[in-house]
């Protein structure tokens, strides 16, 4: 499990994908989400604007990320 530290109340799924380096620019988010397996707290997620809060877990292509407070 990879710990991702944020300093805001939440981060959107699109911002998270860019923040962890899976894409280079925000314009690639929609395509990335449509073509990869992503779950949010165990539920499939396809919305780039989904708000992700501290203690939430995201799994992207079998890599698990835990959101923590900075």
PDB file of N, CA and C in Angstrom:
ATOM      1  N   UNK A   1       0.851  -1.187   0.000  1.00  0.00           N
ATOM      2  CA  UNK A   1       0.000   0.000   0.000  1.00  0.00           C
ATOM      3  C   UNK A   1       0.888   1.238   0.000  1.00  0.00           C
ATOM      4  N   UNK A   2       0.509   2.193  -0.834  1.00  0.00           N
ATOM      5  CA  UNK A   2       1.251   3.444  -0.956  1.00  0.00           C
ATOM      6  C   UNK A   2       0.470   4.537  -0.232  1.00  0.00           C
ATOM      7  N   UNK A   3       1.138   5.275   0.630  1.00  0.00           N
ATOM      8  CA  UNK A   3       0.500   6.367   1.359  1.00  0.00           C
ATOM      9  C   UNK A   3       0.673   7.666   0.570  1.00  0.00           C
ATOM     10  N   UNK A   4      -0.442   8.355   0.328  1.00  0.00           N
ATOM     11  CA  UNK A   4      -0.434   9.636  -0.375  1.00  0.00           C
ATOM     12  C   UNK A   4      -0.856  10.710   0.620  1.00  0.00           C
ATOM     13  N   UNK A   5       0.030  11.670   0.865  1.00  0.00           N
ATOM     14  CA  UNK A   5      -0.260  12.728   1.835  1.00  0.00           C
ATOM     15  C   UNK A   5      -0.813  13.962   1.126  1.00  0.00           C
ATOM     16  N   UNK A   6      -1.951  14.444   1.631  1.00  0.00           N
ATOM     17  CA  UNK A   6      -2.537  15.669   1.094  1.00  0.00           C
ATOM     18  C   UNK A   6      -2.635  16.698   2.216  1.00  0.00           C
ATOM     19  N   UNK A   7      -2.620  17.964   1.852  1.00  0.00           N
ATOM     20  CA  UNK A   7      -2.724  19.024   2.862  1.00  0.00           C
ATOM     21  C   UNK A   7      -4.062  19.748   2.786  1.00  0.00           C
ATOM     22  N   UNK A   8      -4.935  19.322   1.873  1.00  0.00           N
ATOM     23  CA  UNK A   8      -6.265  19.912   1.739  1.00  0.00           C
ATOM     24  C   UNK A   8      -7.300  18.946   2.305  1.00  0.00           C
ATOM     25  N   UNK A   9      -8.547  19.375   2.333  1.00  0.00           N
ATOM     26  CA  UNK A   9      -9.619  18.526   2.860  1.00  0.00           C
ATOM     27  C   UNK A   9      -9.831  17.288   1.988  1.00  0.00           C
ATOM     28  N   UNK A  10      -9.711  17.458   0.676  1.00  0.00           N
ATOM     29  CA  UNK A  10      -9.896  16.347  -0.261  1.00  0.00           C
ATOM     30  C   UNK A  10      -9.083  16.592  -1.526  1.00  0.00           C
ATOM     31  N   UNK A  11      -8.984  15.555  -2.355  1.00  0.00           N
ATOM     32  CA  UNK A  11      -8.367  15.647  -3.667  1.00  0.00           C
ATOM     33  C   UNK A  11      -9.297  14.919  -4.630  1.00  0.00           C
ATOM     34  N   UNK A  12      -9.435  15.414  -5.850  1.00  0.00           N
ATOM     35  CA  UNK A  12     -10.301  14.720  -6.806  1.00  0.00           C
ATOM     36  C   UNK A  12      -9.531  13.557  -7.423  1.00  0.00           C
ATOM     37  N   UNK A  13     -10.266  12.617  -7.966  1.00  0.00           N
ATOM     38  CA  UNK A  13      -9.632  11.462  -8.596  1.00  0.00           C
ATOM     39  C   UNK A  13      -8.701  11.902  -9.718  1.00  0.00           C
ATOM     40  N   UNK A  14      -9.123  12.842 -10.525  1.00  0.00           N
ATOM     41  CA  UNK A  14      -8.280  13.342 -11.611  1.00  0.00           C
ATOM     42  C   UNK A  14      -6.996  13.966 -11.100  1.00  0.00           C
ATOM     43  N   UNK A  15      -7.092  14.768 -10.048  1.00  0.00           N
ATOM     44  CA  UNK A  15      -5.905  15.391  -9.454  1.00  0.00           C
ATOM     45  C   UNK A  15      -4.969  14.332  -8.877  1.00  0.00           C
ATOM     46  N   UNK A  16      -5.545  13.318  -8.238  1.00  0.00           N
ATOM     47  CA  UNK A  16      -4.745  12.252  -7.644  1.00  0.00           C
ATOM     48  C   UNK A  16      -3.950  11.500  -8.705  1.00  0.00           C
ATOM     49  N   UNK A  17      -4.598  11.157  -9.800  1.00  0.00           N
ATOM     50  CA  UNK A  17      -3.930  10.419 -10.869  1.00  0.00           C
ATOM     51  C   UNK A  17      -2.744  11.219 -11.413  1.00  0.00           C
ATOM     52  N   UNK A  18      -2.926  12.512 -11.567  1.00  0.00           N
ATOM     53  CA  UNK A  18      -1.830  13.361 -12.039  1.00  0.00           C
ATOM     54  C   UNK A  18      -0.763  13.514 -10.945  1.00  0.00           C
ATOM     55  N   UNK A  19      -1.184  13.696  -9.701  1.00  0.00           N
ATOM     56  CA  UNK A  19      -0.265  13.898  -8.570  1.00  0.00           C
ATOM     57  C   UNK A  19       0.691  12.717  -8.385  1.00  0.00           C
ATOM     58  N   UNK A  20       0.188  11.495  -8.542  1.00  0.00           N
ATOM     59  CA  UNK A  20       1.041  10.326  -8.334  1.00  0.00           C
ATOM     60  C   UNK A  20       1.831   9.958  -9.587  1.00  0.00           C
ATOM     61  N   UNK A  21       1.669  10.722 -10.662  1.00  0.00           N
ATOM     62  CA  UNK A  21       2.508  10.556 -11.843  1.00  0.00           C
ATOM     63  C   UNK A  21       2.070   9.520 -12.852  1.00  0.00           C
ATOM     64  N   UNK A  22       0.801   9.126 -12.817  1.00  0.00           N
ATOM     65  CA  UNK A  22       0.332   8.143 -13.791  1.00  0.00           C
ATOM     66  C   UNK A  22       0.050   8.769 -15.154  1.00  0.00           C
ATOM     67  N   UNK A  23      -0.143  10.080 -15.186  1.00  0.00           N
ATOM     68  CA  UNK A  23      -0.323  10.821 -16.432  1.00  0.00           C
ATOM     69  C   UNK A  23       0.506  12.100 -16.359  1.00  0.00           C
ATOM     70  N   UNK A  24       0.745  12.697 -17.528  1.00  0.00           N
ATOM     71  CA  UNK A  24       1.551  13.915 -17.588  1.00  0.00           C
ATOM     72  C   UNK A  24       0.725  15.186 -17.524  1.00  0.00           C
ATOM     73  N   UNK A  25      -0.493  15.145 -18.072  1.00  0.00           N
ATOM     74  CA  UNK A  25      -1.301  16.365 -18.088  1.00  0.00           C
ATOM     75  C   UNK A  25      -2.752  16.040 -17.773  1.00  0.00           C
ATOM     76  N   UNK A  26      -3.465  17.059 -17.338  1.00  0.00           N
ATOM     77  CA  UNK A  26      -4.867  16.897 -16.971  1.00  0.00           C
ATOM     78  C   UNK A  26      -5.747  16.468 -18.127  1.00  0.00           C
ATOM     79  N   UNK A  27      -5.332  16.768 -19.350  1.00  0.00           N
ATOM     80  CA  UNK A  27      -6.138  16.400 -20.513  1.00  0.00           C
ATOM     81  C   UNK A  27      -6.184  14.885 -20.729  1.00  0.00           C
ATOM     82  N   UNK A  28      -5.302  14.141 -20.098  1.00  0.00           N
ATOM     83  CA  UNK A  28      -5.255  12.688 -20.247  1.00  0.00           C
ATOM     84  C   UNK A  28      -6.120  11.948 -19.227  1.00  0.00           C
ATOM     85  N   UNK A  29      -6.667  12.675 -18.262  1.00  0.00           N
ATOM     86  CA  UNK A  29      -7.399  12.035 -17.153  1.00  0.00           C
ATOM     87  C   UNK A  29      -8.596  11.232 -17.635  1.00  0.00           C
ATOM     88  N   UNK A  30      -9.442  11.815 -18.452  1.00  0.00           N
ATOM     89  CA  UNK A  30     -10.659  11.145 -18.894  1.00  0.00           C
ATOM     90  C   UNK A  30     -10.335   9.822 -19.602  1.00  0.00           C
ATOM     91  N   UNK A  31      -9.352   9.843 -20.487  1.00  0.00           N
ATOM     92  CA  UNK A  31      -8.936   8.636 -21.198  1.00  0.00           C
ATOM     93  C   UNK A  31      -8.369   7.605 -20.232  1.00  0.00           C
ATOM     94  N   UNK A  32      -7.530   8.036 -19.294  1.00  0.00           N
ATOM     95  CA  UNK A  32      -6.922   7.129 -18.324  1.00  0.00           C
ATOM     96  C   UNK A  32      -7.991   6.425 -17.488  1.00  0.00           C
ATOM     97  N   UNK A  33      -8.936   7.198 -16.972  1.00  0.00           N
ATOM     98  CA  UNK A  33      -9.988   6.616 -16.124  1.00  0.00           C
ATOM     99  C   UNK A  33     -10.842   5.618 -16.909  1.00  0.00           C
ATOM    100  N   UNK A  34     -11.143   5.940 -18.148  1.00  0.00           N
ATOM    101  CA  UNK A  34     -11.977   5.062 -18.969  1.00  0.00           C
ATOM    102  C   UNK A  34     -11.285   3.742 -19.295  1.00  0.00           C
ATOM    103  N   UNK A  35      -9.964   3.740 -19.314  1.00  0.00           N
ATOM    104  CA  UNK A  35      -9.221   2.570 -19.770  1.00  0.00           C
ATOM    105  C   UNK A  35      -8.433   1.834 -18.690  1.00  0.00           C
ATOM    106  N   UNK A  36      -8.692   2.138 -17.421  1.00  0.00           N
ATOM    107  CA  UNK A  36      -7.985   1.480 -16.326  1.00  0.00           C
ATOM    108  C   UNK A  36      -8.964   1.067 -15.232  1.00  0.00           C
ATOM    109  N   UNK A  37      -8.570   0.069 -14.452  1.00  0.00           N
ATOM    110  CA  UNK A  37      -9.393  -0.415 -13.342  1.00  0.00           C
ATOM    111  C   UNK A  37      -9.127   0.444 -12.113  1.00  0.00           C
ATOM    112  N   UNK A  38     -10.178   1.140 -11.646  1.00  0.00           N
ATOM    113  CA  UNK A  38     -10.055   2.021 -10.487  1.00  0.00           C
ATOM    114  C   UNK A  38     -11.205   1.727  -9.535  1.00  0.00           C
ATOM    115  N   UNK A  39     -10.869   1.515  -8.248  1.00  0.00           N
ATOM    116  CA  UNK A  39     -11.910   1.378  -7.238  1.00  0.00           C
ATOM    117  C   UNK A  39     -11.673   2.388  -6.124  1.00  0.00           C
ATOM    118  N   UNK A  40     -12.766   2.900  -5.583  1.00  0.00           N
ATOM    119  CA  UNK A  40     -12.755   3.860  -4.484  1.00  0.00           C
ATOM    120  C   UNK A  40     -13.448   3.196  -3.308  1.00  0.00           C
ATOM    121  N   UNK A  41     -12.704   2.916  -2.249  1.00  0.00           N
ATOM    122  CA  UNK A  41     -13.242   2.211  -1.077  1.00  0.00           C
ATOM    123  C   UNK A  41     -13.999   0.948  -1.482  1.00  0.00           C
ATOM    124  N   UNK A  42     -13.434   0.224  -2.448  1.00  0.00           N
ATOM    125  CA  UNK A  42     -13.999  -1.057  -2.872  1.00  0.00           C
ATOM    126  C   UNK A  42     -15.052  -0.995  -3.950  1.00  0.00           C
ATOM    127  N   UNK A  43     -15.407   0.195  -4.420  1.00  0.00           N
ATOM    128  CA  UNK A  43     -16.449   0.361  -5.438  1.00  0.00           C
ATOM    129  C   UNK A  43     -15.815   0.942  -6.700  1.00  0.00           C
ATOM    130  N   UNK A  44     -16.167   0.365  -7.855  1.00  0.00           N
ATOM    131  CA  UNK A  44     -15.626   0.874  -9.116  1.00  0.00           C
ATOM    132  C   UNK A  44     -15.954   2.354  -9.282  1.00  0.00           C
ATOM    133  N   UNK A  45     -14.972   3.127  -9.740  1.00  0.00           N
ATOM    134  CA  UNK A  45     -15.154   4.577  -9.879  1.00  0.00           C
ATOM    135  C   UNK A  45     -14.685   5.033 -11.257  1.00  0.00           C
ATOM    136  N   UNK A  46     -15.514   5.833 -11.939  1.00  0.00           N
ATOM    137  CA  UNK A  46     -15.177   6.341 -13.275  1.00  0.00           C
ATOM    138  C   UNK A  46     -15.329   7.856 -13.376  1.00  0.00           C
ATOM    139  N   UNK A  47     -15.584   8.540 -12.257  1.00  0.00           N
ATOM    140  CA  UNK A  47     -15.777  10.003 -12.284  1.00  0.00           C
ATOM    141  C   UNK A  47     -14.481  10.704 -11.907  1.00  0.00           C
ATOM    142  N   UNK A  48     -13.968  11.530 -12.797  1.00  0.00           N
ATOM    143  CA  UNK A  48     -12.694  12.218 -12.520  1.00  0.00           C
ATOM    144  C   UNK A  48     -12.834  13.255 -11.406  1.00  0.00           C
ATOM    145  N   UNK A  49     -14.038  13.750 -11.167  1.00  0.00           N
ATOM    146  CA  UNK A  49     -14.259  14.747 -10.125  1.00  0.00           C
ATOM    147  C   UNK A  49     -14.620  14.164  -8.770  1.00  0.00           C
ATOM    148  N   UNK A  50     -14.579  12.837  -8.633  1.00  0.00           N
ATOM    149  CA  UNK A  50     -14.902  12.187  -7.360  1.00  0.00           C
ATOM    150  C   UNK A  50     -13.976  12.703  -6.272  1.00  0.00           C
ATOM    151  N   UNK A  51     -14.540  13.192  -5.186  1.00  0.00           N
ATOM    152  CA  UNK A  51     -13.745  13.724  -4.075  1.00  0.00           C
ATOM    153  C   UNK A  51     -13.242  12.575  -3.204  1.00  0.00           C
ATOM    154  N   UNK A  52     -11.949  12.592  -2.943  1.00  0.00           N
ATOM    155  CA  UNK A  52     -11.301  11.557  -2.145  1.00  0.00           C
ATOM    156  C   UNK A  52     -10.771  12.213  -0.882  1.00  0.00           C
ATOM    157  N   UNK A  53     -11.176  11.685   0.260  1.00  0.00           N
ATOM    158  CA  UNK A  53     -10.848  12.274   1.550  1.00  0.00           C
ATOM    159  C   UNK A  53      -9.791  11.457   2.285  1.00  0.00           C
ATOM    160  N   UNK A  54      -9.273  12.023   3.374  1.00  0.00           N
ATOM    161  CA  UNK A  54      -8.303  11.336   4.232  1.00  0.00           C
ATOM    162  C   UNK A  54      -8.903  10.017   4.712  1.00  0.00           C
ATOM    163  N   UNK A  55      -8.089   8.977   4.738  1.00  0.00           N
ATOM    164  CA  UNK A  55      -8.436   7.604   5.130  1.00  0.00           C
ATOM    165  C   UNK A  55      -9.200   6.826   4.073  1.00  0.00           C
ATOM    166  N   UNK A  56      -9.427   7.409   2.895  1.00  0.00           N
ATOM    167  CA  UNK A  56     -10.028   6.663   1.789  1.00  0.00           C
ATOM    168  C   UNK A  56      -8.946   5.842   1.102  1.00  0.00           C
ATOM    169  N   UNK A  57      -9.359   4.739   0.479  1.00  0.00           N
ATOM    170  CA  UNK A  57      -8.421   3.925  -0.277  1.00  0.00           C
ATOM    171  C   UNK A  57      -8.841   3.892  -1.747  1.00  0.00           C
ATOM    172  N   UNK A  58      -7.849   3.976  -2.598  1.00  0.00           N
ATOM    173  CA  UNK A  58      -8.049   3.923  -4.032  1.00  0.00           C
ATOM    174  C   UNK A  58      -7.162   2.810  -4.565  1.00  0.00           C
ATOM    175  N   UNK A  59      -7.706   1.967  -5.425  1.00  0.00           N
ATOM    176  CA  UNK A  59      -6.908   0.939  -6.083  1.00  0.00           C
ATOM    177  C   UNK A  59      -6.914   1.254  -7.569  1.00  0.00           C
ATOM    178  N   UNK A  60      -5.719   1.451  -8.119  1.00  0.00           N
ATOM    179  CA  UNK A  60      -5.569   1.734  -9.546  1.00  0.00           C
ATOM    180  C   UNK A  60      -4.682   0.637 -10.119  1.00  0.00           C
ATOM    181  N   UNK A  61      -5.275  -0.189 -10.978  1.00  0.00           N
ATOM    182  CA  UNK A  61      -4.540  -1.293 -11.611  1.00  0.00           C
ATOM    183  C   UNK A  61      -3.754  -2.124 -10.592  1.00  0.00           C
ATOM    184  N   UNK A  62      -4.435  -2.551  -9.548  1.00  0.00           N
ATOM    185  CA  UNK A  62      -3.889  -3.435  -8.507  1.00  0.00           C
ATOM    186  C   UNK A  62      -2.878  -2.780  -7.568  1.00  0.00           C
ATOM    187  N   UNK A  63      -2.698  -1.472  -7.645  1.00  0.00           N
ATOM    188  CA  UNK A  63      -1.860  -0.762  -6.679  1.00  0.00           C
ATOM    189  C   UNK A  63      -2.782   0.006  -5.747  1.00  0.00           C
ATOM    190  N   UNK A  64      -2.630  -0.234  -4.444  1.00  0.00           N
ATOM    191  CA  UNK A  64      -3.517   0.367  -3.453  1.00  0.00           C
ATOM    192  C   UNK A  64      -2.881   1.623  -2.867  1.00  0.00           C
ATOM    193  N   UNK A  65      -3.669   2.700  -2.830  1.00  0.00           N
ATOM    194  CA  UNK A  65      -3.225   3.990  -2.292  1.00  0.00           C
ATOM    195  C   UNK A  65      -4.109   4.363  -1.118  1.00  0.00           C
ATOM    196  N   UNK A  66      -3.495   4.794  -0.017  1.00  0.00           N
ATOM    197  CA  UNK A  66      -4.215   5.283   1.161  1.00  0.00           C
ATOM    198  C   UNK A  66      -3.971   6.773   1.267  1.00  0.00           C
ATOM    199  N   UNK A  67      -5.048   7.548   1.369  1.00  0.00           N
ATOM    200  CA  UNK A  67      -4.938   8.994   1.469  1.00  0.00           C
ATOM    201  C   UNK A  67      -4.767   9.353   2.946  1.00  0.00           C
ATOM    202  N   UNK A  68      -3.710  10.092   3.257  1.00  0.00           N
ATOM    203  CA  UNK A  68      -3.437  10.519   4.624  1.00  0.00           C
ATOM    204  C   UNK A  68      -3.277  12.013   4.688  1.00  0.00           C
ATOM    205  N   UNK A  69      -3.363  12.563   5.884  1.00  0.00           N
ATOM    206  CA  UNK A  69      -3.222  14.003   6.108  1.00  0.00           C
ATOM    207  C   UNK A  69      -1.760  14.356   6.272  1.00  0.00           C
ATOM    208  N   UNK A  70      -1.327  15.413   5.613  1.00  0.00           N
ATOM    209  CA  UNK A  70       0.055  15.876   5.716  1.00  0.00           C
ATOM    210  C   UNK A  70       0.294  16.581   7.023  1.00  0.00           C
TER     211      UNK A  70
END
